[in-house]
N, C-alpha and C. Protein backbone atom coordinates (compact mmCIF):
# COMPACT_ATOMS: atom_id res chain seq x y z
N UNK A 1 0.79 -1.01 -0.19
CA UNK A 1 0.16 -0.27 -0.23
C UNK A 1 0.94 1.16 0.20
N UNK A 2 0.41 1.96 -0.65
CA UNK A 2 1.14 3.74 -0.88
C UNK A 2 0.21 4.51 -0.45
N UNK A 3 0.54 5.39 0.56
CA UNK A 3 -0.02 6.80 0.52
C UNK A 3 0.62 7.41 -0.86
N UNK A 4 -0.62 8.18 -1.54
CA UNK A 4 -0.45 9.37 -2.81
C UNK A 4 -1.12 10.37 -2.55
N UNK A 5 -0.21 11.37 -2.01
CA UNK A 5 -0.64 12.40 -1.88
C UNK A 5 -0.55 13.63 -3.12
N UNK A 6 -1.82 14.47 -3.47
CA UNK A 6 -1.68 15.35 -4.28
C UNK A 6 -1.72 17.09 -4.10
N UNK A 7 -1.40 17.68 -4.69
CA UNK A 7 -1.29 19.21 -4.14
C UNK A 7 -1.01 20.24 -5.22
N UNK A 8 -1.81 21.25 -4.39
CA UNK A 8 -1.80 22.34 -6.10
C UNK A 8 -3.05 22.22 -6.73
N UNK A 9 -2.87 22.18 -8.05
CA UNK A 9 -3.91 21.84 -9.01
C UNK A 9 -4.52 20.73 -9.27
N UNK A 10 -3.07 19.99 -9.01
CA UNK A 10 -3.15 18.30 -9.02
C UNK A 10 -4.16 17.75 -8.22
N UNK A 11 -4.37 18.42 -6.75
CA UNK A 11 -5.16 18.01 -6.01
C UNK A 11 -6.73 18.31 -6.32
N UNK A 12 -6.62 19.50 -6.77
CA UNK A 12 -8.22 20.34 -7.97
C UNK A 12 -8.84 19.48 -8.65
N UNK A 13 -7.61 19.31 -9.73
CA UNK A 13 -8.31 18.13 -11.06
C UNK A 13 -8.81 16.62 -10.48
N UNK A 14 -7.86 15.86 -9.05
CA UNK A 14 -8.56 14.70 -9.16
C UNK A 14 -9.43 14.82 -8.06
N UNK A 15 -9.41 16.01 -7.09
CA UNK A 15 -10.30 15.89 -6.19
C UNK A 15 -10.48 15.22 -4.92
N UNK A 16 -8.97 15.03 -4.68
CA UNK A 16 -8.39 14.39 -3.30
C UNK A 16 -7.27 14.79 -2.83
N UNK A 17 -7.06 15.37 -1.49
CA UNK A 17 -5.58 15.36 -1.31
C UNK A 17 -4.90 14.38 -0.99
N UNK A 18 -5.47 13.46 -0.46
CA UNK A 18 -4.45 12.06 -0.53
C UNK A 18 -5.19 10.78 -0.96
N UNK A 19 -4.63 9.84 -1.09
CA UNK A 19 -5.42 8.53 -0.95
C UNK A 19 -4.52 7.33 -0.69
N UNK A 20 -4.57 5.90 -0.27
CA UNK A 20 -4.27 5.00 0.06
C UNK A 20 -4.64 3.80 -1.07
N UNK A 21 -3.18 3.51 -1.95
CA UNK A 21 -3.32 2.96 -3.04
C UNK A 21 -2.77 1.30 -3.23
N UNK A 22 -3.16 0.64 -3.59
CA UNK A 22 -2.55 -0.80 -3.75
C UNK A 22 -2.28 -1.19 -5.23
N UNK A 23 -0.89 -1.03 -5.55
CA UNK A 23 -0.66 -1.02 -6.68
C UNK A 23 0.49 -2.16 -6.56
N UNK A 24 0.62 -2.69 -8.21
CA UNK A 24 1.53 -3.45 -8.85
C UNK A 24 2.54 -2.72 -9.40
N UNK A 25 2.43 -1.23 -9.23
CA UNK A 25 3.51 -0.57 -10.13
C UNK A 25 4.91 -0.83 -9.83
N UNK A 26 6.28 -1.06 -10.71
CA UNK A 26 7.20 -1.10 -10.41
C UNK A 26 8.32 0.19 -10.11
N UNK A 27 7.74 1.79 -10.97
CA UNK A 27 8.17 2.65 -11.12
C UNK A 27 7.28 3.96 -10.91
N UNK A 28 7.58 5.21 -10.34
CA UNK A 28 6.49 6.06 -10.36
C UNK A 28 5.73 6.43 -11.95
N UNK A 29 6.10 6.32 -12.92
CA UNK A 29 5.51 6.39 -14.26
C UNK A 29 4.57 4.98 -14.22
N UNK A 30 4.70 4.23 -13.92
CA UNK A 30 3.60 3.09 -13.79
C UNK A 30 2.69 3.06 -12.91
N UNK A 31 2.98 3.83 -11.55
CA UNK A 31 1.83 4.35 -10.91
C UNK A 31 0.87 5.43 -11.79
N UNK A 32 1.87 6.26 -12.34
CA UNK A 32 0.96 7.24 -12.78
C UNK A 32 0.43 6.81 -14.23
N UNK A 33 0.64 5.95 -15.12
CA UNK A 33 -0.01 4.57 -16.08
C UNK A 33 -1.37 4.34 -15.26
N UNK A 34 -1.17 3.70 -13.97
CA UNK A 34 -2.47 3.14 -13.61
C UNK A 34 -3.55 4.28 -13.07
N UNK A 35 -2.82 5.21 -12.53
CA UNK A 35 -3.58 6.05 -11.65
C UNK A 35 -4.44 7.21 -13.25
N UNK A 36 -3.76 7.12 -14.22
CA UNK A 36 -4.31 7.70 -15.22
C UNK A 36 -5.51 7.16 -15.88
N UNK A 37 -5.75 5.25 -15.71
CA UNK A 37 -6.42 4.43 -16.48
C UNK A 37 -7.75 4.81 -15.17
N UNK A 38 -7.63 5.59 -14.35
CA UNK A 38 -9.03 4.84 -13.25
C UNK A 38 -10.16 5.84 -13.96
N UNK A 39 -9.82 7.38 -14.38
CA UNK A 39 -10.58 7.75 -14.94
C UNK A 39 -10.30 9.41 -15.50
N UNK A 40 -10.94 10.45 -15.92
CA UNK A 40 -10.97 11.16 -16.54
C UNK A 40 -10.15 12.17 -15.70
N UNK A 41 -10.48 12.31 -14.36
CA UNK A 41 -9.93 13.11 -13.45
C UNK A 41 -8.50 13.08 -13.49
N UNK A 42 -8.21 11.93 -13.01
CA UNK A 42 -6.44 11.48 -12.93
C UNK A 42 -5.62 11.63 -14.39
N UNK A 43 -6.90 11.09 -15.52
CA UNK A 43 -6.14 11.43 -17.08
C UNK A 43 -5.75 12.97 -17.11
N UNK A 44 -6.63 14.13 -16.31
CA UNK A 44 -6.63 15.50 -16.88
C UNK A 44 -5.38 15.74 -16.10
N UNK A 45 -5.47 15.25 -14.88
CA UNK A 45 -4.32 15.59 -13.85
C UNK A 45 -2.66 15.40 -14.02
N UNK A 46 -2.67 13.96 -15.06
CA UNK A 46 -1.52 13.66 -15.49
C UNK A 46 -1.18 13.71 -16.54
N UNK A 47 -1.91 14.22 -17.31
CA UNK A 47 -1.80 14.30 -18.97
C UNK A 47 -0.48 15.19 -19.46
N UNK A 48 0.24 15.78 -18.63
CA UNK A 48 1.39 16.13 -18.81
C UNK A 48 2.32 16.34 -17.70
N UNK A 49 3.38 14.80 -17.84
CA UNK A 49 3.86 15.06 -17.13
C UNK A 49 5.18 15.45 -16.51
N UNK A 50 5.60 16.36 -17.66
CA UNK A 50 6.30 17.31 -17.73
C UNK A 50 6.18 18.70 -16.80
N UNK A 51 4.76 19.04 -16.32
CA UNK A 51 4.51 19.82 -15.45
C UNK A 51 4.30 19.46 -14.12
N UNK A 52 5.10 18.00 -13.80
CA UNK A 52 4.94 17.53 -12.38
C UNK A 52 5.99 17.39 -12.08
N UNK A 53 6.25 17.39 -10.83
CA UNK A 53 7.76 17.12 -9.51
C UNK A 53 7.06 15.61 -9.20
N UNK A 54 7.68 15.01 -8.81
CA UNK A 54 7.20 13.78 -8.06
C UNK A 54 8.38 13.41 -6.65
N UNK A 55 7.77 13.19 -5.35
CA UNK A 55 8.47 13.10 -3.80
C UNK A 55 8.27 11.57 -3.62
N UNK A 56 9.46 10.87 -3.10
CA UNK A 56 9.13 9.58 -2.56
C UNK A 56 9.55 9.68 -1.18
N UNK A 57 8.67 9.61 -0.51
CA UNK A 57 9.33 9.72 0.94
C UNK A 57 9.50 10.59 1.37
N UNK A 58 9.00 12.00 0.89
CA UNK A 58 9.54 13.18 1.37
C UNK A 58 10.63 13.48 0.53
N UNK A 59 11.54 13.10 -0.39
CA UNK A 59 12.42 13.28 -0.92
C UNK A 59 12.48 13.29 -2.52
N UNK A 60 12.97 14.56 -3.28
CA UNK A 60 12.37 14.99 -4.94
C UNK A 60 12.94 13.32 -5.55
N UNK A 61 12.26 12.93 -6.74
CA UNK A 61 12.81 12.02 -7.51
C UNK A 61 12.57 12.03 -8.92
N UNK A 62 12.56 10.84 -9.35
CA UNK A 62 12.25 11.39 -10.79
C UNK A 62 11.32 10.03 -11.10
N UNK A 63 10.73 10.40 -12.49
CA UNK A 63 9.63 9.41 -12.98
C UNK A 63 9.90 7.94 -13.21
N UNK A 64 10.95 7.63 -13.39
CA UNK A 64 11.49 6.58 -13.44
C UNK A 64 12.51 5.61 -12.18
N UNK A 65 11.93 6.13 -11.21
CA UNK A 65 12.63 5.63 -10.02
C UNK A 65 11.83 4.87 -9.19
N UNK A 66 12.36 3.53 -8.79
CA UNK A 66 11.37 2.53 -8.52
C UNK A 66 10.67 2.80 -7.15
N UNK A 67 9.83 2.25 -7.11
CA UNK A 67 8.80 2.04 -5.96
C UNK A 67 9.26 1.36 -4.58
N UNK A 68 10.21 0.26 -5.05
CA UNK A 68 10.42 -0.72 -3.67
C UNK A 68 10.81 -0.20 -2.47
N UNK A 69 9.90 0.11 -1.62
CA UNK A 69 10.06 0.02 -0.23
C UNK A 69 9.50 1.47 0.06
N UNK A 70 9.12 1.88 -0.83
CA UNK A 70 8.59 3.53 -0.85
C UNK A 70 7.27 3.54 -0.08
N UNK A 71 6.87 4.40 0.85
CA UNK A 71 5.82 4.68 1.77
C UNK A 71 4.50 5.50 1.28
N UNK A 72 5.10 6.71 0.65
CA UNK A 72 4.51 8.15 0.55
C UNK A 72 5.19 8.14 -1.04
N UNK A 73 4.19 8.71 -1.70
CA UNK A 73 4.62 9.30 -2.93
C UNK A 73 3.73 10.57 -3.23
N UNK A 74 4.22 12.07 -3.58
CA UNK A 74 3.81 13.25 -3.17
C UNK A 74 3.89 13.41 -4.69
N UNK A 75 2.53 13.96 -5.57
CA UNK A 75 2.72 14.93 -6.83
C UNK A 75 2.15 16.26 -6.34
N UNK A 76 3.28 17.08 -7.52
CA UNK A 76 2.68 18.85 -7.00
C UNK A 76 3.66 19.06 -8.29
N UNK A 77 3.03 20.65 -8.78
CA UNK A 77 3.92 21.33 -9.74
C UNK A 77 5.19 21.78 -9.38
N UNK A 78 5.82 22.39 -10.22
CA UNK A 78 7.27 22.70 -9.92
C UNK A 78 6.90 24.04 -8.89
N UNK A 79 7.96 24.12 -8.08
CA UNK A 79 8.06 25.32 -6.83
C UNK A 79 8.40 26.79 -8.07
N UNK A 80 7.55 27.45 -7.33
CA UNK A 80 8.12 28.98 -8.29
C UNK A 80 8.63 30.11 -7.33
N UNK A 81 9.36 31.21 -7.68
CA UNK A 81 8.90 32.12 -6.78
C UNK A 81 10.43 31.86 -5.95
N UNK A 82 10.70 32.68 -4.45
CA UNK A 82 12.03 32.51 -4.19
C UNK A 82 11.68 32.50 -2.70
């Protein structure tokens, strides 16, 4: 089980701040594909992953990162400002 957190416009599109997800995904990209296939809200939120950042257990990561041993995945737009 993974805790998946959504921030900013990702949360607004999906309609949830977080959820627990049962997944067989090996990487972040596979998890995104699974979530996107759920329904149109997820597909819209993950339509352009170049506009997203991901953190695994609160550490900035990449979409090709493995999920083995990870407890929390967070999706958010890039930070701006100073």
